[in-house]
Amino acid sequence: MCSAVTVERVTIDDKIDGMSTKNAGKNTETVTVTVRMDKDLKDRASAVIDYYGLDVASVTRAFFTAIVRTQSIPLDLGPAKDHSHYPDFPTVDWEPNEETIAAFREAEELAKDPNRKGYTSASELIAAILAEDDDEDVSGDGA
């Protein structure tokens, strides 16, 4: 189930140019940003935000400021960090399932196979695929 989360008082600095944030907070216009998300996601994120003594609006402003400062989307999409020294820290358990583990093992074995053809670029791989398609068409195996 999705719920709307309204984050109020997100400040947009119309004087920010490039990666400079030195004028943040000056000559600003306040806007409201509404985000739709799963309620469970919002609740779990809020628990982490609360743990750090922050609120959703402050974290959103910090995120937008980091986007402007770095000119990128500053996200770490890796697995959760170890927070074992914080027993009450809300964490996400990420363990690969059996199918994923099997795929990892298969990839490792394929990488070790000296008879397996490897490619040094995507262009080289695509050329090999196209050559295989041409070979199949000539031999009568193609469509």
C-alpha atoms as a PDB file:
ATOM      1  CA  MET A   1       0.000   0.000   0.000  1.00  0.00           C
ATOM      2  CA  CYS A   2       1.369   3.404  -0.963  1.00  0.00           C
ATOM      3  CA  SER A   3       0.941   6.498   1.129  1.00  0.00           C
ATOM      4  CA  ALA A   4       1.751  10.113   0.383  1.00  0.00           C
ATOM      5  CA  VAL A   5       4.465  11.686   2.477  1.00  0.00           C
ATOM      6  CA  THR A   6       4.614  15.462   2.423  1.00  0.00           C
ATOM      7  CA  VAL A   7       7.965  17.003   3.165  1.00  0.00           C
ATOM      8  CA  GLU A   8       7.467  20.657   3.925  1.00  0.00           C
ATOM      9  CA  ARG A   9       9.866  23.577   3.730  1.00  0.00           C
ATOM     10  CA  VAL A  10      12.327  22.169   1.242  1.00  0.00           C
ATOM     11  CA  THR A  11      14.416  25.221   0.425  1.00  0.00           C
ATOM     12  CA  ILE A  12      15.535  25.731  -3.151  1.00  0.00           C
ATOM     13  CA  ASP A  13      18.332  28.281  -3.521  1.00  0.00           C
ATOM     14  CA  ASP A  14      17.877  30.025  -6.856  1.00  0.00           C
ATOM     15  CA  LYS A  15      21.353  31.531  -6.494  1.00  0.00           C
ATOM     16  CA  ILE A  16      23.201  28.185  -6.420  1.00  0.00           C
ATOM     17  CA  ASP A  17      25.388  27.836  -9.495  1.00  0.00           C
ATOM     18  CA  GLY A  18      27.422  24.793 -10.418  1.00  0.00           C
ATOM     19  CA  MET A  19      28.655  23.081  -7.294  1.00  0.00           C
ATOM     20  CA  SER A  20      28.679  26.133  -5.007  1.00  0.00           C
ATOM     21  CA  THR A  21      26.390  25.998  -1.981  1.00  0.00           C
ATOM     22  CA  LYS A  22      27.869  28.989  -0.150  1.00  0.00           C
ATOM     23  CA  ASN A  23      24.696  31.032  -0.755  1.00  0.00           C
ATOM     24  CA  ALA A  24      22.346  28.328   0.538  1.00  0.00           C
ATOM     25  CA  GLY A  25      19.710  29.877   2.750  1.00  0.00           C
ATOM     26  CA  LYS A  26      19.936  33.339   1.131  1.00  0.00           C
ATOM     27  CA  ASN A  27      17.428  34.621  -1.406  1.00  0.00           C
ATOM     28  CA  THR A  28      15.432  31.418  -1.118  1.00  0.00           C
ATOM     29  CA  GLU A  29      11.934  30.421  -2.040  1.00  0.00           C
ATOM     30  CA  THR A  30      10.218  27.721   0.009  1.00  0.00           C
ATOM     31  CA  VAL A  31       8.324  24.952  -1.782  1.00  0.00           C
ATOM     32  CA  THR A  32       6.486  21.809  -0.709  1.00  0.00           C
ATOM     33  CA  VAL A  33       7.576  18.439  -2.104  1.00  0.00           C
ATOM     34  CA  THR A  34       5.196  15.465  -1.954  1.00  0.00           C
ATOM     35  CA  VAL A  35       6.570  11.957  -2.382  1.00  0.00           C
ATOM     36  CA  ARG A  36       4.500   8.795  -2.809  1.00  0.00           C
ATOM     37  CA  MET A  37       6.007   5.654  -1.331  1.00  0.00           C
ATOM     38  CA  ASP A  38       5.172   2.407   0.365  1.00  0.00           C
ATOM     39  CA  LYS A  39       4.121   3.002   3.989  1.00  0.00           C
ATOM     40  CA  ASP A  40       6.455   0.294   5.292  1.00  0.00           C
ATOM     41  CA  LEU A  41       9.410   1.911   3.505  1.00  0.00           C
ATOM     42  CA  LYS A  42       8.499   5.315   4.964  1.00  0.00           C
ATOM     43  CA  ASP A  43       8.136   3.863   8.471  1.00  0.00           C
ATOM     44  CA  ARG A  44      11.442   1.977   8.294  1.00  0.00           C
ATOM     45  CA  ALA A  45      13.302   4.975   6.879  1.00  0.00           C
ATOM     46  CA  SER A  46      11.746   7.215   9.530  1.00  0.00           C
ATOM     47  CA  ALA A  47      13.020   4.856  12.237  1.00  0.00           C
ATOM     48  CA  VAL A  48      16.587   5.284  10.943  1.00  0.00           C
ATOM     49  CA  ILE A  49      16.144   9.051  10.583  1.00  0.00           C
ATOM     50  CA  ASP A  50      14.711   9.281  14.120  1.00  0.00           C
ATOM     51  CA  TYR A  51      17.610   7.204  15.453  1.00  0.00           C
ATOM     52  CA  TYR A  52      19.961   9.960  14.296  1.00  0.00           C
ATOM     53  CA  GLY A  53      17.744  12.646  15.855  1.00  0.00           C
ATOM     54  CA  LEU A  54      16.724  14.107  12.499  1.00  0.00           C
ATOM     55  CA  ASP A  55      13.447  14.614  10.678  1.00  0.00           C
ATOM     56  CA  VAL A  56      12.420  13.691   7.134  1.00  0.00           C
ATOM     57  CA  ALA A  57      12.495  17.300   5.918  1.00  0.00           C
ATOM     58  CA  SER A  58      16.063  17.856   7.192  1.00  0.00           C
ATOM     59  CA  VAL A  59      17.285  14.653   5.564  1.00  0.00           C
ATOM     60  CA  THR A  60      15.561  15.596   2.306  1.00  0.00           C
ATOM     61  CA  ARG A  61      17.207  19.051   2.337  1.00  0.00           C
ATOM     62  CA  ALA A  62      20.586  17.443   3.061  1.00  0.00           C
ATOM     63  CA  PHE A  63      20.067  14.977   0.199  1.00  0.00           C
ATOM     64  CA  PHE A  64      19.123  17.734  -2.270  1.00  0.00           C
ATOM     65  CA  THR A  65      22.113  19.810  -1.132  1.00  0.00           C
ATOM     66  CA  ALA A  66      24.422  16.810  -1.686  1.00  0.00           C
ATOM     67  CA  ILE A  67      22.969  16.360  -5.199  1.00  0.00           C
ATOM     68  CA  VAL A  68      23.765  19.986  -6.036  1.00  0.00           C
ATOM     69  CA  ARG A  69      27.206  19.856  -4.394  1.00  0.00           C
ATOM     70  CA  THR A  70      28.334  16.611  -6.056  1.00  0.00           C
ATOM     71  CA  GLN A  71      26.343  16.964  -9.292  1.00  0.00           C
ATOM     72  CA  SER A  72      25.375  13.302  -8.848  1.00  0.00           C
ATOM     73  CA  ILE A  73      22.867  11.139  -6.992  1.00  0.00           C
ATOM     74  CA  PRO A  74      24.809  10.315  -3.816  1.00  0.00           C
ATOM     75  CA  LEU A  75      23.446   6.859  -3.003  1.00  0.00           C
ATOM     76  CA  ASP A  76      25.220   3.809  -1.651  1.00  0.00           C
ATOM     77  CA  LEU A  77      23.360   0.849  -3.114  1.00  0.00           C
ATOM     78  CA  GLY A  78      25.527  -1.747  -1.378  1.00  0.00           C
ATOM     79  CA  PRO A  79      24.382  -4.056   1.393  1.00  0.00           C
ATOM     80  CA  ALA A  80      23.705  -2.641   4.845  1.00  0.00           C
ATOM     81  CA  LYS A  81      26.713  -1.711   6.900  1.00  0.00           C
ATOM     82  CA  ASP A  82      27.505  -3.482  10.159  1.00  0.00           C
ATOM     83  CA  HIS A  83      25.717  -1.676  12.968  1.00  0.00           C
ATOM     84  CA  SER A  84      26.159  -4.445  15.539  1.00  0.00           C
ATOM     85  CA  HIS A  85      27.599  -1.958  18.032  1.00  0.00           C
ATOM     86  CA  TYR A  86      24.172  -0.220  17.975  1.00  0.00           C
ATOM     87  CA  PRO A  87      21.796  -2.983  19.136  1.00  0.00           C
ATOM     88  CA  ASP A  88      18.675  -0.864  18.551  1.00  0.00           C
ATOM     89  CA  PHE A  89      19.717   0.298  15.088  1.00  0.00           C
ATOM     90  CA  PRO A  90      17.015  -0.575  12.531  1.00  0.00           C
ATOM     91  CA  THR A  91      18.725  -2.675   9.876  1.00  0.00           C
ATOM     92  CA  VAL A  92      17.753  -4.415   6.678  1.00  0.00           C
ATOM     93  CA  ASP A  93      18.686  -8.070   6.516  1.00  0.00           C
ATOM     94  CA  TRP A  94      20.108  -8.863   3.110  1.00  0.00           C
ATOM     95  CA  GLU A  95      21.129 -12.395   2.467  1.00  0.00           C
ATOM     96  CA  PRO A  96      21.326 -13.774  -1.066  1.00  0.00           C
ATOM     97  CA  ASN A  97      18.898 -16.632  -1.707  1.00  0.00           C
ATOM     98  CA  GLU A  98      20.018 -20.045  -2.976  1.00  0.00           C
ATOM     99  CA  GLU A  99      19.408 -19.133  -6.622  1.00  0.00           C
ATOM    100  CA  THR A 100      21.621 -16.043  -6.306  1.00  0.00           C
ATOM    101  CA  ILE A 101      24.357 -18.010  -4.511  1.00  0.00           C
ATOM    102  CA  ALA A 102      24.241 -20.649  -7.270  1.00  0.00           C
ATOM    103  CA  ALA A 103      24.548 -17.909  -9.911  1.00  0.00           C
ATOM    104  CA  PHE A 104      27.579 -16.440  -8.103  1.00  0.00           C
ATOM    105  CA  ARG A 105      29.225 -19.868  -7.990  1.00  0.00           C
ATOM    106  CA  GLU A 106      28.472 -20.535 -11.654  1.00  0.00           C
ATOM    107  CA  ALA A 107      29.980 -17.165 -12.628  1.00  0.00           C
ATOM    108  CA  GLU A 108      33.118 -17.930 -10.600  1.00  0.00           C
ATOM    109  CA  GLU A 109      33.489 -21.316 -12.290  1.00  0.00           C
ATOM    110  CA  LEU A 110      32.969 -19.839 -15.753  1.00  0.00           C
ATOM    111  CA  ALA A 111      35.599 -17.200 -15.027  1.00  0.00           C
ATOM    112  CA  LYS A 112      38.128 -19.934 -14.097  1.00  0.00           C
ATOM    113  CA  ASP A 113      37.516 -22.020 -17.241  1.00  0.00           C
ATOM    114  CA  PRO A 114      40.550 -21.543 -19.532  1.00  0.00           C
ATOM    115  CA  ASN A 115      38.571 -22.835 -22.539  1.00  0.00           C
ATOM    116  CA  ARG A 116      35.885 -20.200 -22.133  1.00  0.00           C
ATOM    117  CA  LYS A 117      36.042 -17.311 -24.596  1.00  0.00           C
ATOM    118  CA  GLY A 118      36.421 -13.933 -22.913  1.00  0.00           C
ATOM    119  CA  TYR A 119      35.907 -10.433 -24.239  1.00  0.00           C
ATOM    120  CA  THR A 120      37.762  -7.249 -23.385  1.00  0.00           C
ATOM    121  CA  SER A 121      34.979  -4.868 -24.407  1.00  0.00           C
ATOM    122  CA  ALA A 122      31.268  -4.752 -25.067  1.00  0.00           C
ATOM    123  CA  SER A 123      32.014  -4.028 -28.733  1.00  0.00           C
ATOM    124  CA  GLU A 124      34.050  -7.227 -29.002  1.00  0.00           C
ATOM    125  CA  LEU A 125      31.230  -9.225 -27.385  1.00  0.00           C
ATOM    126  CA  ILE A 126      28.585  -7.750 -29.701  1.00  0.00           C
ATOM    127  CA  ALA A 127      30.759  -8.450 -32.758  1.00  0.00           C
ATOM    128  CA  ALA A 128      31.112 -12.098 -31.643  1.00  0.00           C
ATOM    129  CA  ILE A 129      27.339 -12.431 -31.138  1.00  0.00           C
ATOM    130  CA  LEU A 130      26.649 -10.962 -34.574  1.00  0.00           C
ATOM    131  CA  ALA A 131      29.264 -13.273 -36.135  1.00  0.00           C
ATOM    132  CA  GLU A 132      27.574 -16.281 -34.490  1.00  0.00           C
ATOM    133  CA  ASP A 133      24.208 -15.114 -35.859  1.00  0.00           C
ATOM    134  CA  ASP A 134      25.724 -14.804 -39.367  1.00  0.00           C
ATOM    135  CA  ASP A 135      27.263 -18.306 -39.073  1.00  0.00           C
ATOM    136  CA  GLU A 136      23.898 -19.780 -38.065  1.00  0.00           C
ATOM    137  CA  ASP A 137      22.123 -18.084 -40.979  1.00  0.00           C
ATOM    138  CA  VAL A 138      24.698 -19.391 -43.490  1.00  0.00           C
ATOM    139  CA  SER A 139      24.549 -22.955 -42.160  1.00  0.00           C
ATOM    140  CA  GLY A 140      20.781 -23.040 -42.361  1.00  0.00           C
ATOM    141  CA  ASP A 141      20.246 -23.089 -38.578  1.00  0.00           C
ATOM    142  CA  GLY A 142      18.905 -19.522 -38.514  1.00  0.00           C
ATOM    143  CA  ALA A 143      15.442 -18.271 -39.237  1.00  0.00           C
END
